[in-house]
Amino acid sequence: MSLPPLPFSDDELAAAFEGRALVTPPLGRGSYKAAFLADDGTLAVVKVLTEPLPADVDGTDVDASLLPERFAREIRAMQSADSPHLGSISAEPRAVQIGGARYVTYEEPFYGGGTLAERLKIAPLSSAEAETLVIEQLLAVHELWKVRIVHRDIKPGNIVFDTTGRSVLIDPGISLHVDLDDLTESSHSSPMTLGFSAPEQHEARRYAQIDFRTDHFLVGIVGFLAVSGVHPILTIGMDRNAFITRLLSFDRIDVSSLPCRAELRTVLGRLLAPKPNRRFRSTLEPLEVLGAI
C-alpha cells in the first residue's frame, strides 16, 4: 500500500530547518515518520513525525503525553541504548513549525557504511566478517535485554555500518518493552517482519514466549544469511503461507556445511532452534561459546 504525500512541501521543510541543508526526497518513509539526511558539514538523520501536533501546542518542548505510544517506546529504546552496536539519539525530540502546523522531530547519527541488506546484494560476508557481525548483534541484544527490551525486528535492512565498519542495530519501532503494557492485543500475533520472524511471533501474544531468545532467533537468521548468502528457511518462490508453515513445523536447521568456524556453526544452530527453550539460556552464553567475552 502506497503512503499518502507528506503533509508539507520541500520548501516548507527547508524553511523550518534553515541552515541544516536537508536532502529531499526522504531517505526513508514509514507509516508515521519520514527520515531526511541533513548534509551541513556533519551528516545526521533528521526524523519527522508526519502526524501534526494539536493546533494549540506551541513552543519547542514536547510533552510525552502528546506522542504516539509506539513512537514514545521507540525513543525510550534508543535513549536506553548503551552500546556502540545500538542506534542512539543525537538530538532529543522537539516541536518544529513546518508550514502551517507543528511536528515532532528528532535526530539520529548517520551511518555512512550502508546497510547489511545492501552488502548482501553483492556477496555473502567472509566467515570472519559474519562472525564479527553475529557477535556485535548478540552484544546489542544483550544490552537491550538489560533494560528488558526485545527488538523484534532484527533484519539486514535494520543493520547499518558506521565508518569504522562496526555494525549497528537501528529502528526499534516495534520493540517490546517487557515491563510496560503490551500494545498488541493478547489474541493477536506479535508485530514482525515476515521472513525475519521467530516462530513464537506468529502465536497469539497470550501464549507466546517473547524475550531475548526471540531476538536470538533473528540474529541466527541474519548470521546464517550473512555467511552463506541464503536464508535458512525462506526459499525462492516460497509464498507467505508456505513460509509460515515451515517456520512453525521445522525441527532443526542444518548448519553443518556453513563456511565458518565450528563455534559459529554451533551458535547459529542453537540460535535457530524452533522452540525458545532449546535456544541459549542467557544473552551471554552464545558470546562465551564464540570467545567474545
Foldseek 3Di string as FASTA:
>chain_A
DDADDQPADPVLVCVQVPQQCWDDDFPDDDNFKTWTWGPRPFTKIKIWGRDFFDPPDDDWDDDLVRDDPLVSVQQVLQCLDDAPQAWHWPFDWTWIDGPPTIIIMTITHDAPQAWQVVVLVPPFDAQVLLVQQLLSLLVRLQSSVVQQKALQEDDRNQWGAHPVRHIHGYDSSQIDRPVDDHPDDQQQAGDHDQLQWALLSRHRNVPGDDGSLRSLQSSLQRSQCRQPVDGQQDDPPDDRVNSNVCNNDDAWGDLPPGPYDPLVSVQSRQSNGRDSVSHDPHSCVSCVSVVND
